Amino acid sequence: MIGIVDYNAGNIKSVERALLSLGADFVLSKKPSDLEKCEKLIVPGVGEAKYAMEQFRLTGFDSFLKDWAQTEKPMLGICLGSQVVFEHSEEGDVDCLGLIKGEIKLFNTVWKEEGKEPALKVPQIGWNDLNFSNGGSRLLEGVKEHSDFYFVHSYLIVPEDRTVVKAWVDYGTQVPACVECGNITVFQCHPEKSGKCGLRVLKNFVDGR
């Protein structure tokens, strides 16, 4: 059984529809106690990191997710769910879950640090092609490199250890699109909105790859 964390942060319906199309068994809940016996966990979300962390603290999902990370059970983070697993976000200047070392920074912050002034719109909205790195991810099996995935985000993941980046896209800098560390895999893009390639990622997760 797959558990979906519901913390009032959007894109849950699209994740539900994708899992239904795959014939996956799942339970959606706002209560950590309802998800304790699940074998796998999905943390979706769109919106603001500060709001997400406030919701986690109010519901008890902050401690639940930290405890889950200490197990061997898989966790999949999507979009905002890919960011809150890191230590800190510039979005609202908030401390996050700290499950993986690193920060979440605004595109403009990263571009400035790299001495670049790309004429690109923020947020990044639309399709971009994945470049695999560091051996790729088990969840990308069956997905060809340079396949297009759908993105909507103004902030990007800046991990302390770059070897955890399993796929990236070019948007004025190398933007981590997939990060994998132990039992945690996160996608900055939206697999549930990325057609056949995205469904393959979710199928790999459902099937236990």
Protein backbone atom coordinates (compact mmCIF):
# COMPACT_ATOMS: atom_id res chain seq x y z
CA MET A 1 0.00 0.00 0.00
CA ILE A 2 1.22 3.49 -0.91
CA GLY A 3 0.49 6.42 1.38
CA ILE A 4 -0.02 9.96 0.07
CA VAL A 5 0.63 12.80 2.50
CA ASP A 6 -2.18 15.35 2.32
CA TYR A 7 -1.07 18.66 3.81
CA ASN A 8 -3.34 21.01 1.84
CA ALA A 9 -0.66 21.81 -0.72
CA GLY A 10 -2.20 21.07 -4.10
CA ASN A 11 -1.51 18.66 -7.02
CA ILE A 12 -2.86 15.69 -5.05
CA LYS A 13 -5.68 15.00 -7.50
CA SER A 14 -3.26 14.64 -10.41
CA VAL A 15 -1.14 12.22 -8.37
CA GLU A 16 -4.26 10.23 -7.46
CA ARG A 17 -5.34 10.04 -11.11
CA ALA A 18 -1.91 8.83 -12.18
CA LEU A 19 -1.84 6.10 -9.53
CA LEU A 20 -5.37 5.01 -10.43
CA SER A 21 -4.33 4.69 -14.06
CA LEU A 22 -1.54 2.36 -12.93
CA GLY A 23 -3.90 0.27 -10.82
CA ALA A 24 -1.96 1.09 -7.65
CA ASP A 25 -3.39 0.66 -4.17
CA PHE A 26 -3.04 3.84 -2.14
CA VAL A 27 -4.46 5.74 0.79
CA LEU A 28 -4.61 9.54 1.07
CA SER A 29 -4.69 11.07 4.52
CA LYS A 30 -4.10 14.20 6.58
CA LYS A 31 -3.24 11.99 9.59
CA PRO A 32 0.17 10.36 10.03
CA SER A 33 -1.44 7.49 11.96
CA ASP A 34 -3.36 6.47 8.81
CA LEU A 35 -0.11 6.04 6.87
CA GLU A 36 2.03 4.24 9.45
CA LYS A 37 1.49 0.78 7.97
CA CYS A 38 2.07 1.84 4.36
CA GLU A 39 5.00 0.31 2.50
CA LYS A 40 5.78 3.42 0.45
CA LEU A 41 5.10 7.13 0.78
CA ILE A 42 4.51 10.00 -1.64
CA VAL A 43 4.92 13.62 -0.54
CA PRO A 44 3.42 15.78 -3.33
CA GLY A 45 2.78 19.51 -3.22
CA VAL A 46 2.81 22.89 -4.91
CA GLY A 47 3.07 26.19 -3.09
CA GLU A 48 5.28 27.76 -0.47
CA ALA A 49 7.87 25.98 1.68
CA LYS A 50 7.03 28.00 4.79
CA TYR A 51 3.36 27.07 4.52
CA ALA A 52 4.25 23.43 4.00
CA MET A 53 6.41 23.32 7.11
CA GLU A 54 3.68 25.01 9.15
CA GLN A 55 1.24 22.33 8.01
CA PHE A 56 3.71 19.56 8.82
CA ARG A 57 4.15 20.87 12.35
CA LEU A 58 0.42 21.29 12.90
CA THR A 59 -0.38 17.75 11.74
CA GLY A 60 2.64 15.93 13.15
CA PHE A 61 3.93 15.03 9.70
CA ASP A 62 7.26 16.70 10.48
CA SER A 63 8.23 14.04 13.03
CA PHE A 64 6.46 11.31 11.03
CA LEU A 65 8.54 12.04 7.91
CA LYS A 66 11.77 12.24 9.90
CA ASP A 67 11.01 8.86 11.45
CA TRP A 68 10.08 7.42 8.04
CA ALA A 69 13.43 8.51 6.61
CA GLN A 70 15.19 6.34 9.20
CA THR A 71 13.48 3.23 7.84
CA GLU A 72 14.23 1.43 4.59
CA LYS A 73 10.78 2.19 3.19
CA PRO A 74 10.79 4.29 -0.01
CA MET A 75 9.72 7.92 -0.02
CA LEU A 76 8.97 9.89 -3.19
CA GLY A 77 8.84 13.70 -3.13
CA ILE A 78 7.31 15.71 -5.97
CA CYS A 79 7.79 19.46 -6.65
CA LEU A 80 7.35 21.19 -3.26
CA GLY A 81 7.68 17.72 -1.77
CA SER A 82 11.14 17.54 -3.36
CA GLN A 83 12.26 20.74 -1.65
CA VAL A 84 11.04 20.34 1.93
CA VAL A 85 13.25 17.27 2.48
CA PHE A 86 16.30 19.56 2.49
CA GLU A 87 17.64 21.65 5.37
CA HIS A 88 16.55 25.20 4.57
CA SER A 89 14.58 27.16 1.99
CA GLU A 90 14.97 30.80 0.99
CA GLU A 91 11.24 30.73 0.33
CA GLY A 92 9.98 32.18 3.58
CA ASP A 93 13.46 31.74 5.12
CA VAL A 94 12.34 28.51 6.78
CA ASP A 95 14.10 25.46 8.17
CA CYS A 96 12.81 22.32 6.49
CA LEU A 97 12.93 18.61 7.33
CA GLY A 98 16.70 18.18 6.95
CA LEU A 99 16.47 14.65 5.54
CA ILE A 100 19.07 15.48 2.87
CA LYS A 101 21.79 18.09 3.29
CA GLY A 102 21.33 21.16 1.15
CA GLU A 103 19.34 24.34 0.53
CA ILE A 104 16.55 25.58 -1.66
CA LYS A 105 17.45 28.83 -3.42
CA LEU A 106 15.71 31.27 -5.75
CA PHE A 107 16.86 31.05 -9.36
CA ASN A 108 18.07 34.65 -9.22
CA THR A 109 20.19 33.87 -6.16
CA VAL A 110 21.95 31.00 -7.92
CA TRP A 111 22.43 32.94 -11.15
CA LYS A 112 23.96 35.83 -9.20
CA GLU A 113 26.30 33.50 -7.32
CA GLU A 114 27.42 32.03 -10.64
CA GLY A 115 27.89 35.47 -12.22
CA LYS A 116 25.17 34.88 -14.80
CA GLU A 117 22.30 37.03 -16.01
CA PRO A 118 20.13 34.68 -18.08
CA ALA A 119 17.18 36.22 -19.91
CA LEU A 120 14.86 33.56 -18.57
CA LYS A 121 11.48 33.90 -16.90
CA VAL A 122 10.94 32.84 -13.31
CA PRO A 123 9.20 30.60 -12.52
CA GLN A 124 10.35 27.97 -14.97
CA ILE A 125 7.07 26.77 -16.46
CA GLY A 126 6.91 24.12 -19.14
CA TRP A 127 8.79 21.18 -20.56
CA ASN A 128 12.50 20.56 -20.24
CA ASP A 129 14.65 17.55 -21.11
CA LEU A 130 16.44 15.47 -18.50
CA ASN A 131 20.17 14.86 -18.51
CA PHE A 132 21.18 11.84 -16.43
CA SER A 133 24.09 12.01 -13.99
CA ASN A 134 25.82 9.91 -11.35
CA GLY A 135 24.38 6.68 -12.72
CA GLY A 136 20.79 7.91 -12.92
CA SER A 137 17.97 6.77 -10.65
CA ARG A 138 16.29 3.40 -10.35
CA LEU A 139 13.01 5.26 -10.89
CA LEU A 140 14.23 6.40 -14.32
CA GLU A 141 14.64 2.87 -15.64
CA GLY A 142 12.91 2.64 -19.01
CA VAL A 143 13.02 6.42 -19.50
CA LYS A 144 15.35 7.61 -22.24
CA GLU A 145 17.81 10.36 -21.47
CA HIS A 146 16.67 13.76 -22.81
CA SER A 147 13.02 12.82 -22.37
CA ASP A 148 10.84 15.86 -21.60
CA PHE A 149 9.28 16.41 -18.17
CA TYR A 150 7.00 19.18 -16.96
CA PHE A 151 8.25 21.82 -14.48
CA VAL A 152 6.67 24.67 -12.52
CA HIS A 153 9.01 26.26 -9.94
CA SER A 154 10.78 29.45 -8.90
CA TYR A 155 13.23 27.84 -6.47
CA LEU A 156 15.77 25.12 -7.07
CA ILE A 157 17.49 22.42 -5.08
CA VAL A 158 21.14 23.05 -4.14
CA PRO A 159 22.35 19.82 -2.48
CA GLU A 160 25.53 19.81 -0.44
CA ASP A 161 26.63 16.57 -2.11
CA ARG A 162 26.26 16.81 -5.88
CA THR A 163 26.56 13.04 -6.30
CA VAL A 164 22.94 12.68 -5.11
CA VAL A 165 21.77 14.46 -8.28
CA LYS A 166 20.59 11.73 -10.65
CA ALA A 167 19.10 13.97 -13.36
CA TRP A 168 19.22 17.66 -14.17
CA VAL A 169 17.89 20.18 -16.66
CA ASP A 170 19.43 23.33 -18.10
CA TYR A 171 17.63 26.53 -17.09
CA GLY A 172 20.35 29.13 -16.85
CA THR A 173 22.21 26.69 -14.58
CA GLN A 174 22.18 22.97 -13.91
CA VAL A 175 18.87 22.48 -12.12
CA PRO A 176 18.58 19.21 -10.15
CA ALA A 177 15.48 17.43 -11.46
CA CYS A 178 15.92 14.14 -9.60
CA VAL A 179 17.79 13.61 -6.34
CA GLU A 180 18.22 10.25 -4.67
CA CYS A 181 19.68 9.59 -1.24
CA GLY A 182 19.10 6.24 0.46
CA ASN A 183 15.39 5.46 0.52
CA ILE A 184 14.43 9.01 -0.53
CA THR A 185 13.96 9.99 -4.18
CA VAL A 186 12.61 13.40 -5.13
CA PHE A 187 11.62 14.99 -8.44
CA GLN A 188 11.51 18.76 -8.91
CA CYS A 189 9.43 18.12 -12.02
CA HIS A 190 5.90 16.71 -12.07
CA PRO A 191 5.98 13.04 -13.17
CA GLU A 192 2.19 12.89 -12.80
CA LYS A 193 1.89 15.63 -15.46
CA SER A 194 4.67 14.39 -17.76
CA GLY A 195 2.86 11.92 -19.96
CA LYS A 196 4.18 8.42 -20.61
CA CYS A 197 7.65 9.16 -19.26
CA GLY A 198 6.26 10.46 -16.00
CA LEU A 199 3.93 7.49 -15.66
CA ARG A 200 6.93 5.20 -16.14
CA VAL A 201 8.64 6.90 -13.18
CA LEU A 202 5.55 6.36 -11.03
CA LYS A 203 5.18 2.77 -12.25
CA ASN A 204 8.78 2.10 -11.25
CA PHE A 205 8.00 3.45 -7.81
CA VAL A 206 4.78 1.41 -7.52
CA ASP A 207 6.55 -1.75 -8.71
CA GLY A 208 9.37 -1.30 -6.22
CA ARG A 209 12.30 -0.49 -8.48
